C-alpha atoms as a PDB file:
ATOM      1  CA  MET A   1      18.215  18.858 -58.397  1.00  0.00           C
ATOM      2  CA  THR A   2      18.093  21.109 -61.371  1.00  0.00           C
ATOM      3  CA  ASP A   3      15.130  22.867 -62.809  1.00  0.00           C
ATOM      4  CA  ASN A   4      14.248  21.786 -66.368  1.00  0.00           C
ATOM      5  CA  PRO A   5      11.435  23.422 -68.254  1.00  0.00           C
ATOM      6  CA  THR A   6      10.321  19.972 -69.468  1.00  0.00           C
ATOM      7  CA  ASN A   7       8.929  19.021 -66.011  1.00  0.00           C
ATOM      8  CA  GLN A   8      11.574  16.345 -65.538  1.00  0.00           C
ATOM      9  CA  ILE A   9      13.571  16.028 -62.347  1.00  0.00           C
ATOM     10  CA  THR A  10      17.190  15.149 -62.613  1.00  0.00           C
ATOM     11  CA  LEU A  11      18.920  13.739 -59.540  1.00  0.00           C
ATOM     12  CA  THR A  12      22.562  13.514 -58.844  1.00  0.00           C
ATOM     13  CA  ALA A  13      24.016  10.217 -57.686  1.00  0.00           C
ATOM     14  CA  GLU A  14      24.357  11.638 -54.173  1.00  0.00           C
ATOM     15  CA  GLN A  15      20.709  12.719 -54.090  1.00  0.00           C
ATOM     16  CA  LEU A  16      19.636   9.308 -55.345  1.00  0.00           C
ATOM     17  CA  VAL A  17      21.698   7.588 -52.654  1.00  0.00           C
ATOM     18  CA  ASN A  18      20.188   9.906 -50.045  1.00  0.00           C
ATOM     19  CA  ILE A  19      16.660   9.071 -51.140  1.00  0.00           C
ATOM     20  CA  VAL A  20      17.358   5.338 -51.192  1.00  0.00           C
ATOM     21  CA  GLY A  21      19.186   5.677 -47.866  1.00  0.00           C
ATOM     22  CA  HIS A  22      16.198   7.508 -46.438  1.00  0.00           C
ATOM     23  CA  ALA A  23      13.878   4.717 -47.554  1.00  0.00           C
ATOM     24  CA  ALA A  24      16.132   2.157 -45.890  1.00  0.00           C
ATOM     25  CA  THR A  25      16.236   4.346 -42.808  1.00  0.00           C
ATOM     26  CA  GLN A  26      12.442   4.558 -42.803  1.00  0.00           C
ATOM     27  CA  GLU A  27      12.240   0.760 -42.973  1.00  0.00           C
ATOM     28  CA  GLN A  28      14.760   0.521 -40.156  1.00  0.00           C
ATOM     29  CA  LEU A  29      12.718   2.990 -38.144  1.00  0.00           C
ATOM     30  CA  ASP A  30       9.611   0.910 -38.702  1.00  0.00           C
ATOM     31  CA  ASN A  31      11.450  -2.194 -37.544  1.00  0.00           C
ATOM     32  CA  VAL A  32      12.767  -0.367 -34.474  1.00  0.00           C
ATOM     33  CA  ARG A  33       9.256   0.906 -33.733  1.00  0.00           C
ATOM     34  CA  ARG A  34       7.854  -2.623 -33.945  1.00  0.00           C
ATOM     35  CA  GLU A  35      10.658  -3.946 -31.738  1.00  0.00           C
ATOM     36  CA  LEU A  36      10.054  -1.197 -29.196  1.00  0.00           C
ATOM     37  CA  ASP A  37       6.308  -1.878 -29.240  1.00  0.00           C
ATOM     38  CA  SER A  38       7.041  -5.541 -28.557  1.00  0.00           C
ATOM     39  CA  LYS A  39       9.409  -4.669 -25.714  1.00  0.00           C
ATOM     40  CA  ILE A  40       6.910  -2.241 -24.230  1.00  0.00           C
ATOM     41  CA  GLU A  41       4.217  -4.941 -24.301  1.00  0.00           C
ATOM     42  CA  ARG A  42       6.558  -7.368 -22.512  1.00  0.00           C
ATOM     43  CA  VAL A  43       7.462  -4.741 -19.914  1.00  0.00           C
ATOM     44  CA  GLU A  44       3.785  -3.919 -19.396  1.00  0.00           C
ATOM     45  CA  ALA A  45       2.975  -7.617 -18.923  1.00  0.00           C
ATOM     46  CA  LYS A  46       5.859  -8.022 -16.439  1.00  0.00           C
ATOM     47  CA  LEU A  47       4.845  -4.828 -14.635  1.00  0.00           C
ATOM     48  CA  SER A  48       1.246  -6.016 -14.444  1.00  0.00           C
ATOM     49  CA  SER A  49       2.434  -9.313 -12.978  1.00  0.00           C
ATOM     50  CA  ASP A  50       4.641  -7.505 -10.457  1.00  0.00           C
ATOM     51  CA  ILE A  51       1.761  -5.197  -9.497  1.00  0.00           C
ATOM     52  CA  LYS A  52      -0.447  -8.231  -8.830  1.00  0.00           C
ATOM     53  CA  LEU A  53       2.258  -9.740  -6.610  1.00  0.00           C
ATOM     54  CA  VAL A  54       2.628  -6.504  -4.655  1.00  0.00           C
ATOM     55  CA  GLU A  55      -1.162  -6.207  -4.262  1.00  0.00           C
ATOM     56  CA  GLU A  56      -1.281  -9.778  -2.915  1.00  0.00           C
ATOM     57  CA  LYS A  57       1.509  -9.051  -0.449  1.00  0.00           C
ATOM     58  CA  ILE A  58      -0.267  -5.875   0.692  1.00  0.00           C
ATOM     59  CA  GLU A  59      -3.459  -7.866   1.184  1.00  0.00           C
ATOM     60  CA  ARG A  60      -1.598 -10.490   3.277  1.00  0.00           C
ATOM     61  CA  VAL A  61      -0.024  -7.726   5.384  1.00  0.00           C
ATOM     62  CA  GLU A  62      -3.448  -6.134   5.817  1.00  0.00           C
ATOM     63  CA  VAL A  63      -4.929  -9.457   7.017  1.00  0.00           C
ATOM     64  CA  LYS A  64      -2.034 -10.008   9.449  1.00  0.00           C
ATOM     65  CA  LEU A  65      -2.233  -6.433  10.731  1.00  0.00           C
ATOM     66  CA  SER A  66      -5.973  -6.791  11.213  1.00  0.00           C
ATOM     67  CA  ALA A  67      -5.435  -9.990  13.205  1.00  0.00           C
ATOM     68  CA  ASP A  68      -2.709  -8.321  15.304  1.00  0.00           C
ATOM     69  CA  ILE A  69      -4.960  -5.325  15.978  1.00  0.00           C
ATOM     70  CA  LYS A  70      -7.767  -7.658  17.099  1.00  0.00           C
ATOM     71  CA  LEU A  71      -5.313  -9.462  19.382  1.00  0.00           C
ATOM     72  CA  VAL A  72      -4.134  -6.190  20.916  1.00  0.00           C
ATOM     73  CA  ASP A  73      -7.729  -5.050  21.261  1.00  0.00           C
ATOM     74  CA  GLY A  74      -8.583  -8.283  23.077  1.00  0.00           C
ATOM     75  CA  LYS A  75      -5.625  -7.843  25.407  1.00  0.00           C
ATOM     76  CA  ILE A  76      -6.695  -4.268  26.146  1.00  0.00           C
ATOM     77  CA  ASP A  77     -10.220  -5.478  26.919  1.00  0.00           C
ATOM     78  CA  SER A  78      -8.811  -8.176  29.221  1.00  0.00           C
ATOM     79  CA  LEU A  79      -6.605  -5.626  30.970  1.00  0.00           C
ATOM     80  CA  LYS A  80      -9.547  -3.266  31.330  1.00  0.00           C
ATOM     81  CA  ASN A  81     -11.693  -6.032  32.804  1.00  0.00           C
ATOM     82  CA  TRP A  82      -8.840  -7.031  35.143  1.00  0.00           C
ATOM     83  CA  MET A  83      -8.473  -3.404  36.280  1.00  0.00           C
ATOM     84  CA  LEU A  84     -12.236  -3.132  36.851  1.00  0.00           C
ATOM     85  CA  GLY A  85     -12.122  -6.362  38.840  1.00  0.00           C
ATOM     86  CA  VAL A  86      -9.230  -5.122  40.978  1.00  0.00           C
ATOM     87  CA  GLY A  87     -10.998  -1.806  41.499  1.00  0.00           C
ATOM     88  CA  PHE A  88     -14.203  -3.532  42.532  1.00  0.00           C
ATOM     89  CA  THR A  89     -12.231  -5.837  44.880  1.00  0.00           C
ATOM     90  CA  VAL A  90     -10.493  -2.870  46.482  1.00  0.00           C
ATOM     91  CA  LEU A  91     -13.860  -1.133  46.897  1.00  0.00           C
ATOM     92  CA  VAL A  92     -15.440  -4.212  48.467  1.00  0.00           C
ATOM     93  CA  ALA A  93     -12.412  -4.647  50.756  1.00  0.00           C
ATOM     94  CA  ALA A  94     -12.607  -0.980  51.809  1.00  0.00           C
ATOM     95  CA  VAL A  95     -16.332  -1.286  52.539  1.00  0.00           C
ATOM     96  CA  GLY A  96     -15.733  -4.532  54.461  1.00  0.00           C
ATOM     97  CA  ALA A  97     -12.875  -3.007  56.440  1.00  0.00           C
ATOM     98  CA  THR A  98     -14.980   0.049  57.235  1.00  0.00           C
ATOM     99  CA  ALA A  99     -17.875  -2.160  58.346  1.00  0.00           C
ATOM    100  CA  PHE A 100     -15.506  -4.219  60.504  1.00  0.00           C
ATOM    101  CA  ILE A 101     -13.991  -1.130  62.129  1.00  0.00           C
ATOM    102  CA  VAL A 102     -17.408   0.433  62.689  1.00  0.00           C
ATOM    103  CA  SER A 103     -18.686  -2.790  64.263  1.00  0.00           C
ATOM    104  CA  ARG A 104     -15.774  -2.739  66.726  1.00  0.00           C
ATOM    105  CA  LEU A 105     -16.406   0.833  67.847  1.00  0.00           C
ATOM    106  CA  PRO A 106     -18.208   1.244  71.155  1.00  0.00           C
ATOM    107  CA  PRO A 107     -21.695   2.627  70.922  1.00  0.00           C
ATOM    108  CA  LEU A 108     -22.009   6.377  71.254  1.00  0.00           C
ATOM    109  CA  PRO A 109     -23.689   7.561  74.385  1.00  0.00           C
ATOM    110  CA  VAL A 110     -27.061   9.094  73.786  1.00  0.00           C
ATOM    111  CA  THR A 111     -27.426  12.500  75.326  1.00  0.00           C
ATOM    112  CA  GLY A 112     -30.614  13.950  75.605  1.00  0.00           C
END
């Protein structure tokens, strides 16, 4: 550009091509931005869908784990009850055996 005292701007051919090229570039940038916005929206939609699928799978795993934990808890309770039953049986058997042995002992002589 050259300075003219008449307030007119004179452009060289190269400067004019650069300005026009810049305008085309700006339009291209706008198109690229729109295309990227569209792609981002599609990716967000896909990601949202994938997140929902993962959340559903996590929920199914949680339900299965909860059922498995209840099953193990029930087995532990059964085992505990079985152990208490065996312990009580052993105690009753020991008391019965002691009573049987004591009943077979001769009476103690009374001194007095």
